[in-house]
Protein backbone atom coordinates (compact mmCIF):
# COMPACT_ATOMS: atom_id res chain seq x y z
CA MET A 1 3.71 -1.08 71.64
CA ASN A 2 2.17 -3.51 69.19
CA VAL A 3 3.26 -4.66 65.75
CA THR A 4 0.43 -5.17 63.32
CA PRO A 5 -0.45 -8.88 62.97
CA ASP A 6 0.55 -9.00 59.30
CA TYR A 7 4.02 -7.61 59.97
CA ASN A 8 6.01 -10.11 61.99
CA PRO A 9 9.38 -10.37 60.22
CA LEU A 10 12.17 -12.61 61.37
CA VAL A 11 14.84 -10.49 63.06
CA SER A 12 18.46 -11.65 62.98
CA VAL A 13 20.39 -10.21 65.91
CA ILE A 14 24.09 -10.26 64.99
CA ILE A 15 26.73 -9.83 67.69
CA PRO A 16 30.46 -9.69 66.91
CA VAL A 17 32.52 -10.62 69.95
CA LYS A 18 36.15 -11.05 70.89
CA ASN A 19 36.88 -12.20 74.44
CA GLY A 20 33.54 -10.87 75.65
CA SER A 21 32.87 -13.39 78.39
CA ARG A 22 32.38 -10.75 81.10
CA THR A 23 29.30 -9.21 79.46
CA LEU A 24 28.11 -11.56 76.71
CA GLY A 25 25.93 -13.72 78.95
CA THR A 26 24.06 -10.69 80.30
CA CYS A 27 23.65 -9.42 76.74
CA LEU A 28 22.18 -12.69 75.44
CA VAL A 29 19.79 -13.10 78.38
CA SER A 30 18.43 -9.59 77.80
CA ILE A 31 17.69 -10.40 74.14
CA LYS A 32 15.89 -13.60 75.08
CA ARG A 33 13.64 -11.57 77.42
CA SER A 34 12.49 -9.35 74.55
CA TYR A 35 8.76 -8.87 74.01
CA TYR A 36 9.34 -9.48 70.30
CA LYS A 37 9.92 -13.21 69.87
CA ASN A 38 10.49 -13.86 66.16
CA ILE A 39 14.27 -13.63 66.60
CA GLU A 40 17.37 -15.60 65.78
CA ILE A 41 20.54 -14.68 67.70
CA ILE A 42 23.80 -15.03 65.78
CA VAL A 43 27.09 -14.60 67.62
CA VAL A 44 30.27 -14.40 65.54
CA ASP A 45 33.32 -15.23 67.63
CA ASP A 46 36.28 -13.18 66.39
CA HIS A 47 39.10 -15.53 67.47
CA SER A 48 38.38 -15.35 71.23
CA THR A 49 40.73 -16.99 73.70
CA ASP A 50 38.30 -17.00 76.65
CA ASN A 51 35.10 -19.01 77.18
CA THR A 52 32.99 -16.88 74.85
CA ALA A 53 31.95 -19.92 72.78
CA ASP A 54 30.77 -21.82 75.88
CA ILE A 55 28.56 -18.88 76.90
CA VAL A 56 26.94 -18.81 73.45
CA ARG A 57 26.26 -22.55 73.52
CA SER A 58 24.84 -22.45 77.04
CA ASN A 59 22.39 -19.77 75.92
CA LYS A 60 21.41 -21.88 72.88
CA CYS A 61 22.31 -19.21 70.32
CA ILE A 62 23.78 -19.66 66.84
CA LEU A 63 27.58 -19.60 66.97
CA PHE A 64 29.96 -18.97 64.09
CA GLU A 65 33.72 -18.65 64.12
CA ALA A 66 34.95 -15.65 62.13
CA LYS A 67 36.95 -16.63 59.06
CA ASP A 68 39.00 -14.92 56.36
CA GLY A 69 39.92 -11.95 58.52
CA SER A 70 39.33 -10.30 61.85
CA GLY A 71 37.69 -7.25 63.36
CA ALA A 72 34.11 -6.34 64.25
CA ASN A 73 33.11 -5.40 60.69
CA ASN A 74 34.36 -8.67 59.27
CA ALA A 75 32.41 -10.53 61.96
CA ARG A 76 29.28 -8.46 61.29
CA ASN A 77 29.41 -9.20 57.57
CA PHE A 78 30.03 -12.89 58.21
CA GLY A 79 27.03 -13.07 60.52
CA ALA A 80 24.85 -11.20 58.03
CA SER A 81 25.81 -13.62 55.26
CA HIS A 82 24.33 -16.47 57.35
CA ALA A 83 21.29 -14.56 58.61
CA ASN A 84 17.79 -15.63 57.64
CA GLY A 85 16.04 -12.52 58.89
CA GLU A 86 14.40 -9.76 56.91
CA ILE A 87 15.75 -7.29 59.48
CA LEU A 88 19.36 -7.34 60.69
CA VAL A 89 19.96 -5.97 64.19
CA PHE A 90 23.62 -5.28 64.93
CA MET A 91 24.70 -4.84 68.52
CA ASP A 92 27.83 -5.23 70.61
CA SER A 93 28.44 -7.89 73.23
CA ASP A 94 28.51 -5.33 76.07
CA ILE A 95 24.97 -4.11 75.39
CA VAL A 96 21.83 -4.92 77.38
CA VAL A 97 18.59 -4.36 75.49
CA GLU A 98 15.32 -3.33 77.09
CA ARG A 99 12.38 -5.69 76.64
CA GLU A 100 10.91 -3.20 74.13
CA THR A 101 14.13 -2.60 72.13
CA ILE A 102 13.73 -5.15 69.33
CA LEU A 103 10.01 -4.44 69.11
CA GLY A 104 10.79 -0.74 68.68
CA ILE A 105 13.13 -1.53 65.80
CA VAL A 106 10.50 -3.67 64.06
CA GLU A 107 7.83 -1.02 64.54
CA THR A 108 10.08 1.69 63.12
CA LEU A 109 10.98 -0.38 60.06
CA GLU A 110 7.32 -1.11 59.45
CA ASP A 111 7.50 2.20 57.57
CA GLN A 112 8.75 1.10 54.15
CA HIS A 113 10.45 4.47 53.59
CA ILE A 114 12.90 3.80 56.44
CA ASP A 115 15.91 1.61 55.64
CA ALA A 116 17.65 1.60 59.02
CA VAL A 117 17.07 2.74 62.59
CA VAL A 118 19.53 3.61 65.36
CA GLY A 119 18.89 3.50 69.12
CA ILE A 120 20.38 5.36 72.07
CA TYR A 121 22.06 4.65 75.42
CA THR A 122 19.88 4.77 78.50
CA ALA A 123 20.69 7.37 81.16
CA LYS A 124 21.18 4.58 83.68
CA HIS A 125 24.62 3.01 83.86
CA ARG A 126 25.47 0.35 86.39
CA HIS A 127 29.12 1.41 86.75
CA GLU A 128 29.22 4.33 89.19
CA SER A 129 32.69 5.73 88.45
CA PHE A 130 32.47 9.35 87.36
CA VAL A 131 34.41 8.72 84.16
CA SER A 132 32.03 5.91 83.12
CA GLN A 133 29.00 8.04 83.99
CA TYR A 134 30.44 10.99 82.06
CA LYS A 135 31.09 8.96 78.91
CA ASN A 136 27.69 7.29 78.94
CA LEU A 137 25.83 10.56 79.48
CA TRP A 138 27.87 12.41 76.87
CA VAL A 139 26.98 9.84 74.21
CA ARG A 140 23.31 9.96 75.23
CA TYR A 141 23.28 13.78 75.25
CA SER A 142 24.95 13.98 71.83
CA TYR A 143 22.26 11.72 70.40
CA ILE A 144 19.47 13.68 72.07
CA LYS A 145 20.81 16.79 70.30
CA SER A 146 20.69 15.06 66.91
CA SER A 147 17.83 15.35 64.44
CA PRO A 148 15.71 12.23 63.75
CA ALA A 149 17.14 11.89 60.21
CA ILE A 150 20.82 10.93 60.54
CA ASP A 151 23.65 9.73 58.33
CA TRP A 152 25.45 7.27 60.57
CA LEU A 153 24.95 3.85 62.14
CA PHE A 154 25.68 2.83 65.71
CA GLY A 155 27.48 -0.44 66.38
CA SER A 156 25.87 -0.69 69.81
CA ILE A 157 22.35 -0.91 68.42
CA SER A 158 21.22 -0.55 64.80
CA GLY A 159 18.44 -2.22 62.84
CA ILE A 160 18.87 -2.48 59.05
CA ARG A 161 16.73 -3.91 56.30
CA LYS A 162 18.60 -6.85 54.82
CA GLU A 163 18.09 -5.72 51.22
CA ALA A 164 19.57 -2.28 52.00
CA PHE A 165 22.53 -3.90 53.76
CA LYS A 166 23.22 -6.19 50.79
CA LYS A 167 22.78 -3.35 48.31
CA LEU A 168 25.68 -1.43 49.89
CA GLY A 169 27.91 -4.47 50.35
CA GLY A 170 27.88 -4.44 54.15
CA PHE A 171 30.45 -2.95 56.49
CA ASN A 172 33.92 -1.92 55.35
CA ILE A 173 36.22 -4.64 56.71
CA GLU A 174 39.28 -2.41 56.36
CA LEU A 175 38.03 -0.20 59.20
CA LEU A 176 38.94 -1.48 62.65
CA ALA A 177 36.98 -0.75 65.83
CA LYS A 178 40.02 0.76 67.56
CA HIS A 179 39.90 3.66 65.11
CA GLY A 180 36.42 4.60 66.27
CA HIS A 181 34.61 4.69 62.94
CA ASP A 182 34.14 1.07 61.98
CA ASP A 183 30.35 1.30 62.13
CA ILE A 184 29.46 4.87 61.10
CA GLU A 185 31.11 4.68 57.68
CA LEU A 186 28.31 2.45 56.40
CA GLY A 187 25.82 5.11 57.48
CA LYS A 188 27.64 7.68 55.35
CA ARG A 189 27.31 5.35 52.38
CA PHE A 190 23.60 4.98 53.18
CA ALA A 191 23.24 8.76 52.88
CA GLN A 192 25.14 8.84 49.60
CA ALA A 193 22.82 6.14 48.24
CA LYS A 194 19.76 8.17 49.34
CA LEU A 195 18.74 5.51 51.86
CA ASN A 196 17.04 6.68 55.05
CA ILE A 197 18.32 6.20 58.61
CA ILE A 198 16.19 7.28 61.57
CA LEU A 199 17.32 7.91 65.14
CA ASN A 200 14.57 6.64 67.44
CA MET A 201 15.16 7.78 71.01
CA ASP A 202 12.48 5.39 72.30
CA ILE A 203 14.85 2.53 71.42
CA GLU A 204 17.17 2.33 74.42
CA VAL A 205 20.01 0.03 75.47
CA GLU A 206 22.37 -0.03 78.42
CA HIS A 207 26.11 0.01 77.74
CA LEU A 208 28.09 -2.16 80.17
CA LYS A 209 31.45 -0.55 79.42
CA ASN A 210 33.36 0.28 82.62
CA TYR A 211 35.96 2.97 81.89
CA THR A 212 39.11 3.81 83.76
CA LEU A 213 40.75 7.16 83.10
CA GLY A 214 43.35 5.41 80.95
CA SER A 215 40.86 3.44 78.86
CA PHE A 216 38.71 6.56 78.49
CA ILE A 217 41.65 8.58 77.13
CA LYS A 218 42.62 5.77 74.77
CA ASN A 219 39.04 5.42 73.52
CA GLU A 220 38.61 9.16 72.91
CA TYR A 221 41.93 9.41 71.09
CA HIS A 222 41.12 6.60 68.67
CA ARG A 223 37.51 7.76 68.24
CA SER A 224 38.50 11.34 67.38
CA MET A 225 41.29 10.16 65.09
CA GLY A 226 38.85 7.92 63.21
CA PHE A 227 36.19 10.62 63.02
CA ALA A 228 38.64 13.19 61.65
CA GLU A 229 39.95 10.76 59.05
CA LEU A 230 36.41 9.85 58.03
CA ALA A 231 35.41 13.53 57.82
CA MET A 232 38.32 14.07 55.44
CA ARG A 233 37.22 11.13 53.30
CA PHE A 234 33.67 12.43 52.98
CA ARG A 235 34.78 16.09 52.73
CA GLU A 236 32.86 17.17 55.83
CA THR A 237 35.71 18.63 57.90
CA THR A 238 34.91 22.33 57.52
CA GLN A 239 31.15 21.92 57.87
CA SER A 240 31.63 20.27 61.28
CA PHE A 241 31.95 23.76 62.81
CA ARG A 242 28.38 24.55 61.68
CA ARG A 243 26.63 21.19 61.69
CA GLY A 244 28.88 18.93 63.71
CA PHE A 245 29.99 15.51 62.48
CA VAL A 246 27.98 12.37 63.22
CA ASN A 247 26.96 12.88 66.88
CA VAL A 248 29.72 15.41 67.62
CA TYR A 249 27.80 18.68 67.87
CA PRO A 250 29.34 22.08 66.88
CA SER A 251 29.98 23.43 70.39
CA PHE A 252 31.96 20.28 71.18
CA VAL A 253 34.06 20.83 68.05
CA ILE A 254 34.73 24.47 69.01
CA SER A 255 35.51 23.52 72.61
CA THR A 256 37.96 20.92 71.33
CA LEU A 257 39.87 23.59 69.44
CA LEU A 258 39.76 25.89 72.49
CA SER A 259 40.92 23.25 74.98
CA ILE A 260 44.66 23.67 74.36
CA PHE A 261 44.32 27.42 74.98
CA VAL A 262 42.42 26.78 78.23
CA ILE A 263 45.15 24.43 79.46
CA ALA A 264 47.87 26.90 78.44
CA VAL A 265 46.15 29.69 80.40
CA ILE A 266 45.78 27.43 83.46
CA ILE A 267 49.52 26.65 83.35
CA ALA A 268 50.38 30.31 82.77
CA SER A 269 48.27 31.28 85.77
CA VAL A 270 50.04 28.76 87.99
CA VAL A 271 53.46 30.20 87.12
CA GLY A 272 52.19 33.75 87.42
CA TRP A 273 52.26 34.80 83.76
CA VAL A 274 48.58 35.79 83.59
CA SER A 275 46.19 37.23 86.16
CA ASN A 276 43.57 35.20 87.96
CA TRP A 277 40.91 37.42 86.42
CA PHE A 278 42.04 36.45 82.93
CA LEU A 279 42.03 32.78 83.97
CA LEU A 280 38.50 33.09 85.33
CA GLY A 281 37.38 34.79 82.13
CA VAL A 282 38.77 32.01 79.94
CA ILE A 283 37.33 29.26 82.11
CA GLY A 284 33.99 31.07 82.23
CA PHE A 285 33.85 31.29 78.44
CA TYR A 286 34.77 27.61 78.13
CA LEU A 287 32.06 26.58 80.58
CA LEU A 288 29.53 28.81 78.85
CA LEU A 289 30.22 27.01 75.56
CA ASN A 290 29.30 23.76 77.28
CA ILE A 291 26.55 25.04 79.58
CA ARG A 292 23.75 22.96 78.03
CA PHE A 293 25.66 19.72 78.46
CA LEU A 294 26.63 20.70 82.01
CA ASN A 295 22.99 21.46 82.76
CA TYR A 296 22.09 18.02 81.44
CA LEU A 297 24.69 16.39 83.74
CA GLU A 298 23.30 18.31 86.70
CA GLN A 299 19.73 17.26 85.90
CA VAL A 300 20.63 13.57 85.59
CA ARG A 301 23.36 13.14 88.21
CA GLY A 302 23.17 16.20 90.46
CA LEU A 303 25.29 19.29 91.05
CA PHE A 304 28.21 17.57 92.79
CA ALA A 305 28.62 14.96 90.04
CA MET A 306 28.41 17.67 87.39
CA ILE A 307 31.25 19.63 89.06
CA VAL A 308 33.38 16.49 89.36
CA MET A 309 32.84 15.69 85.67
CA VAL A 310 34.06 19.09 84.41
CA PRO A 311 37.73 17.94 84.37
CA PHE A 312 36.72 14.89 82.29
CA LEU A 313 35.10 17.27 79.82
CA LEU A 314 38.34 19.23 79.45
CA ILE A 315 40.37 16.02 79.19
CA ASP A 316 37.93 14.78 76.55
CA HIS A 317 38.29 17.94 74.47
CA THR A 318 42.08 17.95 74.74
CA VAL A 319 42.49 14.28 73.81
CA CYS A 320 40.02 14.71 70.94
CA LEU A 321 42.07 17.67 69.66
CA ILE A 322 45.21 15.54 69.54
CA GLY A 323 43.36 12.63 67.92
CA SER A 324 41.70 14.92 65.39
CA VAL A 325 45.04 16.43 64.34
CA VAL A 326 46.52 12.95 63.86
CA GLY A 327 43.39 11.78 61.99
CA THR A 328 43.42 14.81 59.72
CA ILE A 329 47.08 14.25 58.84
CA ARG A 330 46.35 10.58 58.13
CA GLY A 331 43.43 11.62 55.96
CA LEU A 332 45.57 14.07 54.02
CA ILE A 333 48.25 11.44 53.45
CA LYS A 334 45.72 8.91 52.16
CA LYS A 335 44.06 11.57 50.01
């Protein structure tokens, strides 16, 4: 990949971080290895209590302390306000970029009709637990299913023209990362303003997040709650059954609604209230709804891993159902 000689914009990489010492050093080193060199790296420390600041200084990056608030969006906006670059690249502190990642962003934004570009997780994931592998591959698969023209941004890796970012006033600081929609809301405002966001699947990053079952459930609950609340705000709840919402594709939405019935039938079968044939029929229908994703898991990780990950899929759907109900109620109350 080569950028034309007359297009060599300064890129400001902005990383919000709070107690990210376990992954931040690896993240910064990967950026410094990028093929594209016209970069400034800005780290905004969101009131960390570990040695995050020391890691930034040892890697000779620009360090700011977040002020007048907290949260990833506040830190992102603060970093952007001090950025000199024509292109703003937002990424999280647990992300490792490929050597081509930043170059791919610059090449994509060389097209003046594109205002922002979003990347995708790599299939590789250094944490071998099945729950971590499942989560990483689900996110990647959901992006692969998406069309190139999208209406959301991705906190893990997004490149935005500075003038477009300033035009929309930056990220909404009232949205917190724990609610799962702190980054995508800006993308919805991009769409409303008729600005163009492209998903470029050649732009890949590795996510260093290591999930336990507990942290996975907590993450999915908050993510689904935030998504449902955001769908209510932008009046996209009903259309999610046909078009999905953000990267949540329609069959996932339908499976989420079906999950409580599947669990009820499993329990009823255990106590002898329904026949095994009925149980097999329900499970078969549920698996058929998700057959393409299961095929993807089998292709990437093998048959055994795919079988092991099926329970995580059902857990994911069930937790997302609960979170979506709570998010919808919150959305109705605020409305």
